Amino acid sequence: MALFAVEYTYSESTVTGRDEHRPEHRAWLSGLVDQGTVRATGPWTDGSGALILVEADDEAAAHEVMAQDPFAKRGLIDAVRITGWNPVMGVFNA
């Protein structure tokens, strides 16, 4: 398994939709945390997006997982960037 940094970018035009669907989005993420697929997640403090650390076999698999996000299914994410990440120190390199 590899670790991927998933960066979401949000815009002001999706605030209402994200507010409405946030409980479903967080429940979905919580399930992935319980499965060990998501290692950490949270929004940027300025509200411009979020970071999700995902374990997957490869980048294509990470994209498949993230396509299931209720926010993604409703078009509430303006951009998604998925990048492989190789932590060398700290809690994520174990």
PDB file of N, CA and C in Angstrom:
ATOM      1  N   MET A   1       0.844  -1.181   0.000  1.00  0.00           N
ATOM      2  CA  MET A   1       0.000   0.000   0.000  1.00  0.00           C
ATOM      3  C   MET A   1       0.888   1.243   0.000  1.00  0.00           C
ATOM      4  N   ALA A   2       0.420   2.245  -0.684  1.00  0.00           N
ATOM      5  CA  ALA A   2       1.123   3.520  -0.752  1.00  0.00           C
ATOM      6  C   ALA A   2       0.255   4.595  -0.111  1.00  0.00           C
ATOM      7  N   LEU A   3       0.897   5.669   0.279  1.00  0.00           N
ATOM      8  CA  LEU A   3       0.189   6.784   0.893  1.00  0.00           C
ATOM      9  C   LEU A   3       0.085   7.929  -0.107  1.00  0.00           C
ATOM     10  N   PHE A   4      -1.111   8.526  -0.191  1.00  0.00           N
ATOM     11  CA  PHE A   4      -1.363   9.615  -1.129  1.00  0.00           C
ATOM     12  C   PHE A   4      -1.946  10.813  -0.392  1.00  0.00           C
ATOM     13  N   ALA A   5      -1.458  11.987  -0.760  1.00  0.00           N
ATOM     14  CA  ALA A   5      -2.021  13.230  -0.252  1.00  0.00           C
ATOM     15  C   ALA A   5      -3.072  13.688  -1.258  1.00  0.00           C
ATOM     16  N   VAL A   6      -4.297  13.795  -0.791  1.00  0.00           N
ATOM     17  CA  VAL A   6      -5.404  14.250  -1.633  1.00  0.00           C
ATOM     18  C   VAL A   6      -5.733  15.669  -1.203  1.00  0.00           C
ATOM     19  N   GLU A   7      -5.592  16.601  -2.120  1.00  0.00           N
ATOM     20  CA  GLU A   7      -5.886  18.004  -1.831  1.00  0.00           C
ATOM     21  C   GLU A   7      -7.156  18.419  -2.568  1.00  0.00           C
ATOM     22  N   TYR A   8      -8.123  18.888  -1.807  1.00  0.00           N
ATOM     23  CA  TYR A   8      -9.352  19.426  -2.370  1.00  0.00           C
ATOM     24  C   TYR A   8      -9.257  20.942  -2.405  1.00  0.00           C
ATOM     25  N   THR A   9      -9.817  21.528  -3.450  1.00  0.00           N
ATOM     26  CA  THR A   9      -9.966  22.973  -3.528  1.00  0.00           C
ATOM     27  C   THR A   9     -11.459  23.275  -3.628  1.00  0.00           C
ATOM     28  N   TYR A  10     -11.906  24.180  -2.787  1.00  0.00           N
ATOM     29  CA  TYR A  10     -13.313  24.593  -2.754  1.00  0.00           C
ATOM     30  C   TYR A  10     -13.443  26.046  -3.202  1.00  0.00           C
ATOM     31  N   SER A  11     -14.660  26.426  -3.606  1.00  0.00           N
ATOM     32  CA  SER A  11     -14.940  27.820  -3.935  1.00  0.00           C
ATOM     33  C   SER A  11     -16.154  28.295  -3.147  1.00  0.00           C
ATOM     34  N   GLU A  12     -16.348  29.567  -3.136  1.00  0.00           N
ATOM     35  CA  GLU A  12     -17.496  30.163  -2.442  1.00  0.00           C
ATOM     36  C   GLU A  12     -18.816  29.678  -3.025  1.00  0.00           C
ATOM     37  N   SER A  13     -18.821  29.332  -4.297  1.00  0.00           N
ATOM     38  CA  SER A  13     -20.077  28.931  -4.940  1.00  0.00           C
ATOM     39  C   SER A  13     -20.613  27.596  -4.429  1.00  0.00           C
ATOM     40  N   THR A  14     -19.774  26.815  -3.729  1.00  0.00           N
ATOM     41  CA  THR A  14     -20.222  25.503  -3.247  1.00  0.00           C
ATOM     42  C   THR A  14     -20.437  25.463  -1.735  1.00  0.00           C
ATOM     43  N   VAL A  15     -20.336  26.600  -1.066  1.00  0.00           N
ATOM     44  CA  VAL A  15     -20.460  26.627   0.399  1.00  0.00           C
ATOM     45  C   VAL A  15     -21.793  26.038   0.860  1.00  0.00           C
ATOM     46  N   THR A  16     -22.891  26.477   0.274  1.00  0.00           N
ATOM     47  CA  THR A  16     -24.212  26.011   0.700  1.00  0.00           C
ATOM     48  C   THR A  16     -24.348  24.505   0.524  1.00  0.00           C
ATOM     49  N   GLY A  17     -23.927  23.984  -0.613  1.00  0.00           N
ATOM     50  CA  GLY A  17     -24.003  22.550  -0.863  1.00  0.00           C
ATOM     51  C   GLY A  17     -23.114  21.755   0.079  1.00  0.00           C
ATOM     52  N   ARG A  18     -21.915  22.261   0.333  1.00  0.00           N
ATOM     53  CA  ARG A  18     -21.021  21.560   1.258  1.00  0.00           C
ATOM     54  C   ARG A  18     -21.586  21.574   2.672  1.00  0.00           C
ATOM     55  N   ASP A  19     -22.153  22.700   3.078  1.00  0.00           N
ATOM     56  CA  ASP A  19     -22.782  22.758   4.406  1.00  0.00           C
ATOM     57  C   ASP A  19     -23.905  21.739   4.522  1.00  0.00           C
ATOM     58  N   GLU A  20     -24.707  21.633   3.472  1.00  0.00           N
ATOM     59  CA  GLU A  20     -25.849  20.712   3.476  1.00  0.00           C
ATOM     60  C   GLU A  20     -25.401  19.249   3.529  1.00  0.00           C
ATOM     61  N   HIS A  21     -24.352  18.923   2.790  1.00  0.00           N
ATOM     62  CA  HIS A  21     -23.942  17.526   2.653  1.00  0.00           C
ATOM     63  C   HIS A  21     -22.745  17.136   3.524  1.00  0.00           C
ATOM     64  N   ARG A  22     -22.274  18.062   4.367  1.00  0.00           N
ATOM     65  CA  ARG A  22     -21.116  17.775   5.225  1.00  0.00           C
ATOM     66  C   ARG A  22     -21.337  16.562   6.137  1.00  0.00           C
ATOM     67  N   PRO A  23     -22.513  16.389   6.767  1.00  0.00           N
ATOM     68  CA  PRO A  23     -22.678  15.195   7.607  1.00  0.00           C
ATOM     69  C   PRO A  23     -22.460  13.880   6.833  1.00  0.00           C
ATOM     70  N   GLU A  24     -22.987  13.793   5.627  1.00  0.00           N
ATOM     71  CA  GLU A  24     -22.814  12.594   4.806  1.00  0.00           C
ATOM     72  C   GLU A  24     -21.343  12.422   4.397  1.00  0.00           C
ATOM     73  N   HIS A  25     -20.702  13.534   4.015  1.00  0.00           N
ATOM     74  CA  HIS A  25     -19.277  13.532   3.641  1.00  0.00           C
ATOM     75  C   HIS A  25     -18.429  13.040   4.808  1.00  0.00           C
ATOM     76  N   ARG A  26     -18.673  13.559   5.994  1.00  0.00           N
ATOM     77  CA  ARG A  26     -17.880  13.161   7.163  1.00  0.00           C
ATOM     78  C   ARG A  26     -18.173  11.726   7.590  1.00  0.00           C
ATOM     79  N   ALA A  27     -19.402  11.279   7.450  1.00  0.00           N
ATOM     80  CA  ALA A  27     -19.724   9.884   7.766  1.00  0.00           C
ATOM     81  C   ALA A  27     -18.987   8.946   6.811  1.00  0.00           C
ATOM     82  N   TRP A  28     -18.930   9.319   5.543  1.00  0.00           N
ATOM     83  CA  TRP A  28     -18.204   8.530   4.546  1.00  0.00           C
ATOM     84  C   TRP A  28     -16.725   8.470   4.900  1.00  0.00           C
ATOM     85  N   LEU A  29     -16.144   9.636   5.227  1.00  0.00           N
ATOM     86  CA  LEU A  29     -14.735   9.662   5.622  1.00  0.00           C
ATOM     87  C   LEU A  29     -14.495   8.841   6.882  1.00  0.00           C
ATOM     88  N   SER A  30     -15.398   8.939   7.843  1.00  0.00           N
ATOM     89  CA  SER A  30     -15.266   8.195   9.092  1.00  0.00           C
ATOM     90  C   SER A  30     -15.222   6.689   8.836  1.00  0.00           C
ATOM     91  N   GLY A  31     -16.038   6.225   7.915  1.00  0.00           N
ATOM     92  CA  GLY A  31     -16.016   4.814   7.554  1.00  0.00           C
ATOM     93  C   GLY A  31     -14.675   4.398   6.971  1.00  0.00           C
ATOM     94  N   LEU A  32     -14.082   5.292   6.161  1.00  0.00           N
ATOM     95  CA  LEU A  32     -12.773   5.000   5.574  1.00  0.00           C
ATOM     96  C   LEU A  32     -11.670   5.036   6.628  1.00  0.00           C
ATOM     97  N   VAL A  33     -11.817   5.893   7.630  1.00  0.00           N
ATOM     98  CA  VAL A  33     -10.866   5.909   8.742  1.00  0.00           C
ATOM     99  C   VAL A  33     -10.957   4.581   9.487  1.00  0.00           C
ATOM    100  N   ASP A  34     -12.165   4.132   9.761  1.00  0.00           N
ATOM    101  CA  ASP A  34     -12.368   2.862  10.457  1.00  0.00           C
ATOM    102  C   ASP A  34     -11.765   1.688   9.688  1.00  0.00           C
ATOM    103  N   GLN A  35     -11.804   1.749   8.356  1.00  0.00           N
ATOM    104  CA  GLN A  35     -11.248   0.692   7.504  1.00  0.00           C
ATOM    105  C   GLN A  35      -9.730   0.784   7.380  1.00  0.00           C
ATOM    106  N   GLY A  36      -9.153   1.929   7.776  1.00  0.00           N
ATOM    107  CA  GLY A  36      -7.714   2.151   7.627  1.00  0.00           C
ATOM    108  C   GLY A  36      -7.321   2.728   6.288  1.00  0.00           C
ATOM    109  N   THR A  37      -8.296   3.067   5.456  1.00  0.00           N
ATOM    110  CA  THR A  37      -8.011   3.648   4.146  1.00  0.00           C
ATOM    111  C   THR A  37      -7.612   5.107   4.272  1.00  0.00           C
ATOM    112  N   VAL A  38      -8.313   5.855   5.104  1.00  0.00           N
ATOM    113  CA  VAL A  38      -7.962   7.257   5.364  1.00  0.00           C
ATOM    114  C   VAL A  38      -7.182   7.308   6.661  1.00  0.00           C
ATOM    115  N   ARG A  39      -5.987   7.899   6.597  1.00  0.00           N
ATOM    116  CA  ARG A  39      -5.112   7.988   7.775  1.00  0.00           C
ATOM    117  C   ARG A  39      -5.314   9.282   8.532  1.00  0.00           C
ATOM    118  N   ALA A  40      -5.698  10.348   7.833  1.00  0.00           N
ATOM    119  CA  ALA A  40      -5.962  11.648   8.462  1.00  0.00           C
ATOM    120  C   ALA A  40      -6.743  12.491   7.467  1.00  0.00           C
ATOM    121  N   THR A  41      -7.530  13.412   7.996  1.00  0.00           N
ATOM    122  CA  THR A  41      -8.316  14.275   7.121  1.00  0.00           C
ATOM    123  C   THR A  41      -8.714  15.542   7.862  1.00  0.00           C
ATOM    124  N   GLY A  42      -8.877  16.612   7.125  1.00  0.00           N
ATOM    125  CA  GLY A  42      -9.352  17.853   7.717  1.00  0.00           C
ATOM    126  C   GLY A  42      -9.284  19.001   6.730  1.00  0.00           C
ATOM    127  N   PRO A  43     -10.104  20.032   6.986  1.00  0.00           N
ATOM    128  CA  PRO A  43     -10.146  21.189   6.093  1.00  0.00           C
ATOM    129  C   PRO A  43      -8.984  22.144   6.357  1.00  0.00           C
ATOM    130  N   TRP A  44      -8.624  22.914   5.336  1.00  0.00           N
ATOM    131  CA  TRP A  44      -7.685  24.023   5.533  1.00  0.00           C
ATOM    132  C   TRP A  44      -8.387  25.053   6.414  1.00  0.00           C
ATOM    133  N   THR A  45      -7.664  25.694   7.280  1.00  0.00           N
ATOM    134  CA  THR A  45      -8.275  26.636   8.222  1.00  0.00           C
ATOM    135  C   THR A  45      -8.872  27.855   7.537  1.00  0.00           C
ATOM    136  N   ASP A  46      -8.447  28.150   6.315  1.00  0.00           N
ATOM    137  CA  ASP A  46      -9.014  29.300   5.610  1.00  0.00           C
ATOM    138  C   ASP A  46     -10.255  28.939   4.794  1.00  0.00           C
ATOM    139  N   GLY A  47     -10.674  27.657   4.855  1.00  0.00           N
ATOM    140  CA  GLY A  47     -11.880  27.234   4.155  1.00  0.00           C
ATOM    141  C   GLY A  47     -11.706  26.978   2.669  1.00  0.00           C
ATOM    142  N   SER A  48     -10.479  27.076   2.161  1.00  0.00           N
ATOM    143  CA  SER A  48     -10.248  26.956   0.720  1.00  0.00           C
ATOM    144  C   SER A  48     -10.198  25.519   0.210  1.00  0.00           C
ATOM    145  N   GLY A  49     -10.214  24.554   1.124  1.00  0.00           N
ATOM    146  CA  GLY A  49     -10.133  23.164   0.698  1.00  0.00           C
ATOM    147  C   GLY A  49      -9.848  22.257   1.865  1.00  0.00           C
ATOM    148  N   ALA A  50      -9.269  21.104   1.551  1.00  0.00           N
ATOM    149  CA  ALA A  50      -9.003  20.105   2.581  1.00  0.00           C
ATOM    150  C   ALA A  50      -7.845  19.218   2.152  1.00  0.00           C
ATOM    151  N   LEU A  51      -7.301  18.499   3.139  1.00  0.00           N
ATOM    152  CA  LEU A  51      -6.258  17.506   2.895  1.00  0.00           C
ATOM    153  C   LEU A  51      -6.741  16.176   3.457  1.00  0.00           C
ATOM    154  N   ILE A  52      -6.592  15.123   2.668  1.00  0.00           N
ATOM    155  CA  ILE A  52      -6.969  13.779   3.084  1.00  0.00           C
ATOM    156  C   ILE A  52      -5.790  12.868   2.755  1.00  0.00           C
ATOM    157  N   LEU A  53      -5.294  12.136   3.750  1.00  0.00           N
ATOM    158  CA  LEU A  53      -4.221  11.176   3.518  1.00  0.00           C
ATOM    159  C   LEU A  53      -4.844   9.797   3.346  1.00  0.00           C
ATOM    160  N   VAL A  54      -4.620   9.214   2.172  1.00  0.00           N
ATOM    161  CA  VAL A  54      -5.284   7.978   1.776  1.00  0.00           C
ATOM    162  C   VAL A  54      -4.253   6.885   1.494  1.00  0.00           C
ATOM    163  N   GLU A  55      -4.507   5.686   2.005  1.00  0.00           N
ATOM    164  CA  GLU A  55      -3.707   4.524   1.645  1.00  0.00           C
ATOM    165  C   GLU A  55      -4.425   3.785   0.530  1.00  0.00           C
ATOM    166  N   ALA A  56      -3.682   3.489  -0.535  1.00  0.00           N
ATOM    167  CA  ALA A  56      -4.249   2.782  -1.680  1.00  0.00           C
ATOM    168  C   ALA A  56      -3.138   2.025  -2.396  1.00  0.00           C
ATOM    169  N   ASP A  57      -3.531   1.080  -3.236  1.00  0.00           N
ATOM    170  CA  ASP A  57      -2.544   0.306  -3.989  1.00  0.00           C
ATOM    171  C   ASP A  57      -1.748   1.172  -4.952  1.00  0.00           C
ATOM    172  N   ASP A  58      -2.428   2.129  -5.571  1.00  0.00           N
ATOM    173  CA  ASP A  58      -1.768   3.012  -6.527  1.00  0.00           C
ATOM    174  C   ASP A  58      -2.628   4.262  -6.703  1.00  0.00           C
ATOM    175  N   GLU A  59      -2.149   5.191  -7.522  1.00  0.00           N
ATOM    176  CA  GLU A  59      -2.866   6.457  -7.709  1.00  0.00           C
ATOM    177  C   GLU A  59      -4.254   6.249  -8.304  1.00  0.00           C
ATOM    178  N   ALA A  60      -4.371   5.313  -9.228  1.00  0.00           N
ATOM    179  CA  ALA A  60      -5.684   5.045  -9.830  1.00  0.00           C
ATOM    180  C   ALA A  60      -6.679   4.589  -8.767  1.00  0.00           C
ATOM    181  N   ALA A  61      -6.231   3.741  -7.857  1.00  0.00           N
ATOM    182  CA  ALA A  61      -7.108   3.278  -6.781  1.00  0.00           C
ATOM    183  C   ALA A  61      -7.479   4.423  -5.851  1.00  0.00           C
ATOM    184  N   ALA A  62      -6.558   5.326  -5.595  1.00  0.00           N
ATOM    185  CA  ALA A  62      -6.860   6.498  -4.761  1.00  0.00           C
ATOM    186  C   ALA A  62      -7.933   7.351  -5.439  1.00  0.00           C
ATOM    187  N   HIS A  63      -7.830   7.535  -6.751  1.00  0.00           N
ATOM    188  CA  HIS A  63      -8.848   8.292  -7.491  1.00  0.00           C
ATOM    189  C   HIS A  63     -10.212   7.602  -7.394  1.00  0.00           C
ATOM    190  N   GLU A  64     -10.223   6.272  -7.486  1.00  0.00           N
ATOM    191  CA  GLU A  64     -11.477   5.535  -7.391  1.00  0.00           C
ATOM    192  C   GLU A  64     -12.134   5.737  -6.032  1.00  0.00           C
ATOM    193  N   VAL A  65     -11.337   5.696  -4.977  1.00  0.00           N
ATOM    194  CA  VAL A  65     -11.875   5.925  -3.632  1.00  0.00           C
ATOM    195  C   VAL A  65     -12.473   7.311  -3.535  1.00  0.00           C
ATOM    196  N   MET A  66     -11.721   8.313  -3.956  1.00  0.00           N
ATOM    197  CA  MET A  66     -12.162   9.691  -3.791  1.00  0.00           C
ATOM    198  C   MET A  66     -13.363  10.034  -4.668  1.00  0.00           C
ATOM    199  N   ALA A  67     -13.555   9.311  -5.746  1.00  0.00           N
ATOM    200  CA  ALA A  67     -14.729   9.535  -6.602  1.00  0.00           C
ATOM    201  C   ALA A  67     -16.023   9.176  -5.881  1.00  0.00           C
ATOM    202  N   GLN A  68     -15.921   8.391  -4.803  1.00  0.00           N
ATOM    203  CA  GLN A  68     -17.097   7.994  -4.036  1.00  0.00           C
ATOM    204  C   GLN A  68     -17.505   9.018  -2.982  1.00  0.00           C
ATOM    205  N   ASP A  69     -16.694  10.056  -2.790  1.00  0.00           N
ATOM    206  CA  ASP A  69     -17.007  11.092  -1.801  1.00  0.00           C
ATOM    207  C   ASP A  69     -18.340  11.755  -2.163  1.00  0.00           C
ATOM    208  N   PRO A  70     -19.252  11.873  -1.198  1.00  0.00           N
ATOM    209  CA  PRO A  70     -20.514  12.572  -1.478  1.00  0.00           C
ATOM    210  C   PRO A  70     -20.304  13.983  -2.036  1.00  0.00           C
ATOM    211  N   PHE A  71     -19.251  14.672  -1.613  1.00  0.00           N
ATOM    212  CA  PHE A  71     -18.963  15.995  -2.179  1.00  0.00           C
ATOM    213  C   PHE A  71     -18.635  15.859  -3.665  1.00  0.00           C
ATOM    214  N   ALA A  72     -17.833  14.858  -4.023  1.00  0.00           N
ATOM    215  CA  ALA A  72     -17.449  14.664  -5.427  1.00  0.00           C
ATOM    216  C   ALA A  72     -18.665  14.302  -6.271  1.00  0.00           C
ATOM    217  N   LYS A  73     -19.502  13.421  -5.755  1.00  0.00           N
ATOM    218  CA  LYS A  73     -20.687  12.994  -6.500  1.00  0.00           C
ATOM    219  C   LYS A  73     -21.640  14.147  -6.772  1.00  0.00           C
ATOM    220  N   ARG A  74     -21.599  15.174  -5.940  1.00  0.00           N
ATOM    221  CA  ARG A  74     -22.495  16.329  -6.105  1.00  0.00           C
ATOM    222  C   ARG A  74     -21.797  17.530  -6.751  1.00  0.00           C
ATOM    223  N   GLY A  75     -20.575  17.359  -7.197  1.00  0.00           N
ATOM    224  CA  GLY A  75     -19.861  18.434  -7.873  1.00  0.00           C
ATOM    225  C   GLY A  75     -19.485  19.592  -6.960  1.00  0.00           C
ATOM    226  N   LEU A  76     -19.197  19.292  -5.700  1.00  0.00           N
ATOM    227  CA  LEU A  76     -18.920  20.344  -4.717  1.00  0.00           C
ATOM    228  C   LEU A  76     -17.428  20.596  -4.508  1.00  0.00           C
ATOM    229  N   ILE A  77     -16.595  19.918  -5.277  1.00  0.00           N
ATOM    230  CA  ILE A  77     -15.144  20.097  -5.199  1.00  0.00           C
ATOM    231  C   ILE A  77     -14.690  20.710  -6.510  1.00  0.00           C
ATOM    232  N   ASP A  78     -13.994  21.840  -6.429  1.00  0.00           N
ATOM    233  CA  ASP A  78     -13.554  22.519  -7.645  1.00  0.00           C
ATOM    234  C   ASP A  78     -12.339  21.864  -8.290  1.00  0.00           C
ATOM    235  N   ALA A  79     -11.431  21.342  -7.468  1.00  0.00           N
ATOM    236  CA  ALA A  79     -10.243  20.670  -7.996  1.00  0.00           C
ATOM    237  C   ALA A  79      -9.782  19.622  -6.997  1.00  0.00           C
ATOM    238  N   VAL A  80      -9.234  18.536  -7.544  1.00  0.00           N
ATOM    239  CA  VAL A  80      -8.661  17.468  -6.728  1.00  0.00           C
ATOM    240  C   VAL A  80      -7.254  17.206  -7.254  1.00  0.00           C
ATOM    241  N   ARG A  81      -6.306  17.189  -6.336  1.00  0.00           N
ATOM    242  CA  ARG A  81      -4.929  16.842  -6.688  1.00  0.00           C
ATOM    243  C   ARG A  81      -4.541  15.659  -5.811  1.00  0.00           C
ATOM    244  N   ILE A  82      -4.112  14.565  -6.440  1.00  0.00           N
ATOM    245  CA  ILE A  82      -3.685  13.380  -5.706  1.00  0.00           C
ATOM    246  C   ILE A  82      -2.214  13.143  -6.025  1.00  0.00           C
ATOM    247  N   THR A  83      -1.408  13.136  -4.968  1.00  0.00           N
ATOM    248  CA  THR A  83       0.033  13.010  -5.118  1.00  0.00           C
ATOM    249  C   THR A  83       0.553  11.940  -4.171  1.00  0.00           C
ATOM    250  N   GLY A  84       1.384  11.044  -4.677  1.00  0.00           N
ATOM    251  CA  GLY A  84       2.030  10.065  -3.819  1.00  0.00           C
ATOM    252  C   GLY A  84       2.908  10.771  -2.805  1.00  0.00           C
ATOM    253  N   TRP A  85       2.925  10.228  -1.599  1.00  0.00           N
ATOM    254  CA  TRP A  85       3.682  10.860  -0.511  1.00  0.00           C
ATOM    255  C   TRP A  85       4.512   9.800   0.182  1.00  0.00           C
ATOM    256  N   ASN A  86       5.772  10.108   0.441  1.00  0.00           N
ATOM    257  CA  ASN A  86       6.681   9.182   1.088  1.00  0.00           C
ATOM    258  C   ASN A  86       7.168   9.791   2.404  1.00  0.00           C
ATOM    259  N   PRO A  87       6.426   9.630   3.483  1.00  0.00           N
ATOM    260  CA  PRO A  87       6.875  10.197   4.758  1.00  0.00           C
ATOM    261  C   PRO A  87       8.113   9.466   5.259  1.00  0.00           C
ATOM    262  N   VAL A  88       9.144  10.217   5.642  1.00  0.00           N
ATOM    263  CA  VAL A  88      10.374   9.603   6.119  1.00  0.00           C
ATOM    264  C   VAL A  88      10.559   9.717   7.625  1.00  0.00           C
ATOM    265  N   MET A  89       9.815  10.597   8.267  1.00  0.00           N
ATOM    266  CA  MET A  89       9.879  10.750   9.722  1.00  0.00           C
ATOM    267  C   MET A  89       8.494  11.057  10.260  1.00  0.00           C
ATOM    268  N   GLY A  90       8.256  10.676  11.493  1.00  0.00           N
ATOM    269  CA  GLY A  90       6.995  11.002  12.138  1.00  0.00           C
ATOM    270  C   GLY A  90       6.014   9.849  12.124  1.00  0.00           C
ATOM    271  N   VAL A  91       4.787  10.164  12.517  1.00  0.00           N
ATOM    272  CA  VAL A  91       3.784   9.129  12.737  1.00  0.00           C
ATOM    273  C   VAL A  91       3.332   8.394  11.477  1.00  0.00           C
ATOM    274  N   PHE A  92       3.509   8.986  10.322  1.00  0.00           N
ATOM    275  CA  PHE A  92       3.013   8.351   9.089  1.00  0.00           C
ATOM    276  C   PHE A  92       4.037   7.483   8.394  1.00  0.00           C
ATOM    277  N   ASN A  93       5.259   7.376   8.920  1.00  0.00           N
ATOM    278  CA  ASN A  93       6.249   6.543   8.252  1.00  0.00           C
ATOM    279  C   ASN A  93       6.370   5.154   8.871  1.00  0.00           C
ATOM    280  N   ALA A  94       5.532   4.853   9.849  1.00  0.00           N
ATOM    281  CA  ALA A  94       5.610   3.532  10.505  1.00  0.00           C
ATOM    282  C   ALA A  94       5.050   2.436   9.623  1.00  0.00           C
TER     283      ALA A  94
END
